[in-house]
Amino acid sequence: MPTPAEIARAVGLSFPAERRAKVLERLRTGYPAGRERCRVQAAILVLAGGDFNDLRRLVDAANQDYRDLLSWAEHPTESGGGTKRQMRERYQKLGLPVPDELT
């Protein structure tokens, strides 16, 4: 399970300096205290791939049903999002703990 510090570090690796505060704010206010907050925020960052518009869309999707985000990020072959290896590498690139489902 990722920590808030790991989420902040992943934001730093994903977005340019001028966007980071806005991204962190969007994560904090957009999905503030939902279920499995840090895990869902990690999935959002991994799936957004550094695109702020995608991040906003994914935050909205998490508020509809956070389990969709977890499925897309942690079960990519079933959801059509690529391979386990590709998704595992995305987590690793951002310095986030790799979910067990991807190992």
N, C-alpha and C. Protein backbone atom coordinates (compact mmCIF):
# COMPACT_ATOMS: atom_id res chain seq x y z
N MET A 1 0.85 -1.17 0.00
CA MET A 1 0.00 0.00 0.00
C MET A 1 0.90 1.24 0.00
N PRO A 2 0.72 2.11 -0.96
CA PRO A 2 1.55 3.32 -1.01
C PRO A 2 1.23 4.28 0.13
N THR A 3 2.21 5.08 0.47
CA THR A 3 2.05 6.10 1.51
C THR A 3 1.82 7.46 0.86
N PRO A 4 1.33 8.43 1.63
CA PRO A 4 1.19 9.78 1.08
C PRO A 4 2.52 10.34 0.55
N ALA A 5 3.62 10.02 1.22
CA ALA A 5 4.93 10.49 0.75
C ALA A 5 5.28 9.87 -0.61
N GLU A 6 4.94 8.61 -0.79
CA GLU A 6 5.21 7.95 -2.08
C GLU A 6 4.33 8.54 -3.18
N ILE A 7 3.10 8.90 -2.84
CA ILE A 7 2.21 9.54 -3.81
C ILE A 7 2.81 10.87 -4.23
N ALA A 8 3.26 11.67 -3.27
CA ALA A 8 3.85 12.97 -3.57
C ALA A 8 5.10 12.81 -4.44
N ARG A 9 5.92 11.83 -4.14
CA ARG A 9 7.12 11.59 -4.94
C ARG A 9 6.74 11.16 -6.36
N ALA A 10 5.72 10.33 -6.50
CA ALA A 10 5.27 9.89 -7.82
C ALA A 10 4.73 11.06 -8.63
N VAL A 11 4.06 11.99 -7.98
CA VAL A 11 3.59 13.20 -8.67
C VAL A 11 4.80 13.97 -9.20
N GLY A 12 5.85 14.07 -8.39
CA GLY A 12 7.07 14.75 -8.81
C GLY A 12 7.74 14.10 -10.00
N LEU A 13 7.61 12.80 -10.12
CA LEU A 13 8.20 12.08 -11.25
C LEU A 13 7.31 12.10 -12.49
N SER A 14 6.02 12.36 -12.29
CA SER A 14 5.06 12.28 -13.39
C SER A 14 4.78 13.60 -14.08
N PHE A 15 4.87 14.69 -13.32
CA PHE A 15 4.42 15.98 -13.83
C PHE A 15 5.52 17.03 -13.71
N PRO A 16 5.52 18.00 -14.62
CA PRO A 16 6.50 19.09 -14.53
C PRO A 16 6.27 19.91 -13.26
N ALA A 17 7.32 20.57 -12.81
CA ALA A 17 7.29 21.31 -11.55
C ALA A 17 6.12 22.28 -11.46
N GLU A 18 5.81 22.94 -12.55
CA GLU A 18 4.73 23.94 -12.51
C GLU A 18 3.34 23.33 -12.36
N ARG A 19 3.20 22.04 -12.54
CA ARG A 19 1.90 21.36 -12.45
C ARG A 19 1.73 20.59 -11.14
N ARG A 20 2.81 20.34 -10.43
CA ARG A 20 2.77 19.43 -9.28
C ARG A 20 1.80 19.86 -8.19
N ALA A 21 1.81 21.13 -7.84
CA ALA A 21 0.90 21.60 -6.78
C ALA A 21 -0.55 21.40 -7.19
N LYS A 22 -0.84 21.66 -8.45
CA LYS A 22 -2.22 21.50 -8.94
C LYS A 22 -2.63 20.02 -8.94
N VAL A 23 -1.70 19.16 -9.31
CA VAL A 23 -1.98 17.72 -9.32
C VAL A 23 -2.24 17.22 -7.90
N LEU A 24 -1.37 17.61 -6.97
CA LEU A 24 -1.56 17.18 -5.58
C LEU A 24 -2.87 17.71 -5.02
N GLU A 25 -3.20 18.94 -5.36
CA GLU A 25 -4.47 19.51 -4.91
C GLU A 25 -5.66 18.74 -5.49
N ARG A 26 -5.57 18.41 -6.76
CA ARG A 26 -6.66 17.64 -7.40
C ARG A 26 -6.82 16.27 -6.76
N LEU A 27 -5.70 15.62 -6.46
CA LEU A 27 -5.78 14.31 -5.79
C LEU A 27 -6.36 14.46 -4.38
N ARG A 28 -5.94 15.50 -3.65
CA ARG A 28 -6.42 15.70 -2.28
C ARG A 28 -7.90 16.05 -2.25
N THR A 29 -8.32 16.94 -3.12
CA THR A 29 -9.71 17.39 -3.07
C THR A 29 -10.63 16.52 -3.91
N GLY A 30 -10.09 15.93 -4.98
CA GLY A 30 -10.92 15.13 -5.87
C GLY A 30 -11.22 13.75 -5.33
N TYR A 31 -10.25 13.16 -4.65
CA TYR A 31 -10.45 11.84 -4.03
C TYR A 31 -9.83 11.93 -2.64
N PRO A 32 -10.46 12.71 -1.75
CA PRO A 32 -9.83 13.06 -0.48
C PRO A 32 -9.79 11.97 0.57
N ALA A 33 -10.87 11.31 0.80
CA ALA A 33 -10.92 10.36 1.90
C ALA A 33 -11.70 9.12 1.52
N GLY A 34 -11.72 8.83 0.25
CA GLY A 34 -12.44 7.66 -0.21
C GLY A 34 -11.77 6.38 0.24
N ARG A 35 -12.39 5.30 -0.08
CA ARG A 35 -11.85 4.00 0.30
C ARG A 35 -10.50 3.77 -0.36
N GLU A 36 -9.59 3.23 0.41
CA GLU A 36 -8.25 2.88 -0.07
C GLU A 36 -7.59 4.05 -0.80
N ARG A 37 -7.64 5.20 -0.17
CA ARG A 37 -7.23 6.46 -0.77
C ARG A 37 -5.87 6.41 -1.48
N CYS A 38 -4.81 6.04 -0.79
CA CYS A 38 -3.48 6.06 -1.41
C CYS A 38 -3.36 5.02 -2.52
N ARG A 39 -3.96 3.88 -2.34
CA ARG A 39 -3.93 2.85 -3.38
C ARG A 39 -4.62 3.35 -4.65
N VAL A 40 -5.77 4.01 -4.48
CA VAL A 40 -6.51 4.55 -5.63
C VAL A 40 -5.73 5.71 -6.25
N GLN A 41 -5.16 6.57 -5.43
CA GLN A 41 -4.37 7.68 -5.97
C GLN A 41 -3.17 7.16 -6.76
N ALA A 42 -2.54 6.09 -6.30
CA ALA A 42 -1.43 5.49 -7.05
C ALA A 42 -1.92 4.98 -8.40
N ALA A 43 -3.07 4.32 -8.40
CA ALA A 43 -3.63 3.82 -9.65
C ALA A 43 -3.92 4.98 -10.61
N ILE A 44 -4.45 6.06 -10.08
CA ILE A 44 -4.73 7.24 -10.90
C ILE A 44 -3.45 7.75 -11.55
N LEU A 45 -2.39 7.88 -10.76
CA LEU A 45 -1.12 8.39 -11.30
C LEU A 45 -0.53 7.45 -12.35
N VAL A 46 -0.60 6.17 -12.08
CA VAL A 46 -0.06 5.19 -13.03
C VAL A 46 -0.83 5.23 -14.34
N LEU A 47 -2.14 5.30 -14.24
CA LEU A 47 -2.97 5.29 -15.44
C LEU A 47 -2.91 6.62 -16.20
N ALA A 48 -2.74 7.72 -15.48
CA ALA A 48 -2.72 9.04 -16.12
C ALA A 48 -1.47 9.24 -16.97
N GLY A 49 -0.38 8.60 -16.58
CA GLY A 49 0.84 8.71 -17.37
C GLY A 49 1.33 10.13 -17.58
N GLY A 50 1.13 11.00 -16.58
CA GLY A 50 1.63 12.37 -16.68
C GLY A 50 0.72 13.34 -17.42
N ASP A 51 -0.48 12.91 -17.76
CA ASP A 51 -1.43 13.77 -18.48
C ASP A 51 -2.47 14.30 -17.49
N PHE A 52 -2.49 15.63 -17.31
CA PHE A 52 -3.38 16.22 -16.32
C PHE A 52 -4.85 16.01 -16.67
N ASN A 53 -5.20 16.09 -17.93
CA ASN A 53 -6.60 15.87 -18.32
C ASN A 53 -7.03 14.44 -18.01
N ASP A 54 -6.14 13.47 -18.27
CA ASP A 54 -6.45 12.09 -17.91
C ASP A 54 -6.58 11.94 -16.40
N LEU A 55 -5.71 12.62 -15.66
CA LEU A 55 -5.78 12.56 -14.21
C LEU A 55 -7.14 13.05 -13.72
N ARG A 56 -7.62 14.15 -14.24
CA ARG A 56 -8.94 14.68 -13.84
C ARG A 56 -10.05 13.68 -14.16
N ARG A 57 -9.98 13.09 -15.34
CA ARG A 57 -10.98 12.10 -15.75
C ARG A 57 -10.95 10.88 -14.83
N LEU A 58 -9.75 10.45 -14.47
CA LEU A 58 -9.60 9.28 -13.62
C LEU A 58 -10.06 9.55 -12.19
N VAL A 59 -9.82 10.75 -11.69
CA VAL A 59 -10.32 11.12 -10.36
C VAL A 59 -11.84 11.06 -10.36
N ASP A 60 -12.45 11.59 -11.40
CA ASP A 60 -13.91 11.53 -11.50
C ASP A 60 -14.40 10.09 -11.55
N ALA A 61 -13.69 9.24 -12.29
CA ALA A 61 -14.07 7.83 -12.37
C ALA A 61 -13.94 7.15 -11.00
N ALA A 62 -12.90 7.52 -10.26
CA ALA A 62 -12.71 6.93 -8.92
C ALA A 62 -13.87 7.26 -8.00
N ASN A 63 -14.43 8.45 -8.16
CA ASN A 63 -15.55 8.84 -7.32
C ASN A 63 -16.84 8.12 -7.72
N GLN A 64 -16.90 7.66 -8.94
CA GLN A 64 -18.05 6.86 -9.36
C GLN A 64 -17.95 5.45 -8.79
N ASP A 65 -16.78 4.82 -8.99
CA ASP A 65 -16.53 3.48 -8.44
C ASP A 65 -15.02 3.25 -8.43
N TYR A 66 -14.42 3.43 -7.28
CA TYR A 66 -12.97 3.33 -7.15
C TYR A 66 -12.45 1.95 -7.58
N ARG A 67 -13.29 0.94 -7.51
CA ARG A 67 -12.86 -0.41 -7.89
C ARG A 67 -12.51 -0.50 -9.37
N ASP A 68 -13.15 0.34 -10.19
CA ASP A 68 -12.79 0.36 -11.61
C ASP A 68 -11.33 0.73 -11.79
N LEU A 69 -10.88 1.77 -11.09
CA LEU A 69 -9.49 2.21 -11.20
C LEU A 69 -8.53 1.12 -10.77
N LEU A 70 -8.86 0.46 -9.67
CA LEU A 70 -8.00 -0.61 -9.19
C LEU A 70 -7.95 -1.76 -10.19
N SER A 71 -9.06 -2.06 -10.80
CA SER A 71 -9.10 -3.11 -11.81
C SER A 71 -8.25 -2.74 -13.02
N TRP A 72 -8.41 -1.52 -13.51
CA TRP A 72 -7.65 -1.08 -14.68
C TRP A 72 -6.15 -1.11 -14.43
N ALA A 73 -5.75 -0.70 -13.22
CA ALA A 73 -4.32 -0.63 -12.91
C ALA A 73 -3.72 -1.96 -12.48
N GLU A 74 -4.50 -2.77 -11.79
CA GLU A 74 -3.94 -3.99 -11.20
C GLU A 74 -4.29 -5.27 -11.97
N HIS A 75 -5.21 -5.17 -12.91
CA HIS A 75 -5.60 -6.31 -13.74
C HIS A 75 -5.66 -5.86 -15.20
N PRO A 76 -4.54 -5.39 -15.73
CA PRO A 76 -4.56 -4.77 -17.06
C PRO A 76 -4.94 -5.71 -18.19
N THR A 77 -4.61 -6.97 -18.09
CA THR A 77 -4.94 -7.89 -19.19
C THR A 77 -6.45 -8.10 -19.28
N GLU A 78 -7.11 -8.15 -18.12
CA GLU A 78 -8.56 -8.33 -18.12
C GLU A 78 -9.30 -7.08 -18.57
N SER A 79 -8.71 -5.90 -18.30
CA SER A 79 -9.39 -4.64 -18.64
C SER A 79 -8.92 -4.05 -19.97
N GLY A 80 -8.02 -4.74 -20.64
CA GLY A 80 -7.54 -4.26 -21.94
C GLY A 80 -6.52 -3.14 -21.84
N GLY A 81 -5.89 -3.00 -20.67
CA GLY A 81 -4.93 -1.91 -20.46
C GLY A 81 -3.48 -2.28 -20.67
N GLY A 82 -3.21 -3.40 -21.28
CA GLY A 82 -1.83 -3.81 -21.50
C GLY A 82 -1.52 -5.10 -20.76
N THR A 83 -0.23 -5.29 -20.52
CA THR A 83 0.21 -6.51 -19.84
C THR A 83 0.56 -6.21 -18.39
N LYS A 84 0.65 -7.25 -17.61
CA LYS A 84 1.08 -7.09 -16.22
C LYS A 84 2.47 -6.47 -16.16
N ARG A 85 3.35 -6.92 -17.03
CA ARG A 85 4.71 -6.39 -17.05
C ARG A 85 4.72 -4.90 -17.33
N GLN A 86 3.94 -4.46 -18.30
CA GLN A 86 3.89 -3.03 -18.63
C GLN A 86 3.39 -2.21 -17.45
N MET A 87 2.35 -2.70 -16.80
CA MET A 87 1.80 -1.96 -15.67
C MET A 87 2.75 -1.99 -14.48
N ARG A 88 3.40 -3.13 -14.26
CA ARG A 88 4.39 -3.24 -13.19
C ARG A 88 5.51 -2.22 -13.40
N GLU A 89 5.95 -2.06 -14.66
CA GLU A 89 7.00 -1.10 -14.97
C GLU A 89 6.54 0.34 -14.73
N ARG A 90 5.27 0.62 -14.96
CA ARG A 90 4.75 1.97 -14.68
C ARG A 90 4.83 2.27 -13.18
N TYR A 91 4.42 1.31 -12.35
CA TYR A 91 4.52 1.49 -10.90
C TYR A 91 5.98 1.70 -10.50
N GLN A 92 6.86 0.87 -11.02
CA GLN A 92 8.27 0.97 -10.67
C GLN A 92 8.86 2.30 -11.10
N LYS A 93 8.51 2.76 -12.27
CA LYS A 93 9.02 4.04 -12.78
C LYS A 93 8.65 5.20 -11.85
N LEU A 94 7.49 5.10 -11.22
CA LEU A 94 7.04 6.17 -10.33
C LEU A 94 7.47 5.92 -8.88
N GLY A 95 8.20 4.84 -8.64
CA GLY A 95 8.66 4.54 -7.28
C GLY A 95 7.55 4.12 -6.35
N LEU A 96 6.50 3.57 -6.91
CA LEU A 96 5.35 3.12 -6.11
C LEU A 96 5.43 1.62 -5.88
N PRO A 97 4.92 1.16 -4.74
CA PRO A 97 4.90 -0.29 -4.50
C PRO A 97 4.06 -0.98 -5.59
N VAL A 98 4.59 -2.06 -6.10
CA VAL A 98 3.90 -2.83 -7.12
C VAL A 98 2.86 -3.72 -6.45
N PRO A 99 1.60 -3.60 -6.87
CA PRO A 99 0.56 -4.46 -6.29
C PRO A 99 0.88 -5.94 -6.52
N ASP A 100 0.51 -6.77 -5.57
CA ASP A 100 0.76 -8.20 -5.65
C ASP A 100 0.19 -8.80 -6.94
N GLU A 101 -0.92 -8.27 -7.41
CA GLU A 101 -1.57 -8.80 -8.61
C GLU A 101 -0.70 -8.67 -9.86
N LEU A 102 0.30 -7.80 -9.80
CA LEU A 102 1.17 -7.58 -10.97
C LEU A 102 2.50 -8.31 -10.88
N THR A 103 2.70 -9.07 -9.81
CA THR A 103 3.98 -9.77 -9.68
C THR A 103 3.88 -11.20 -10.15
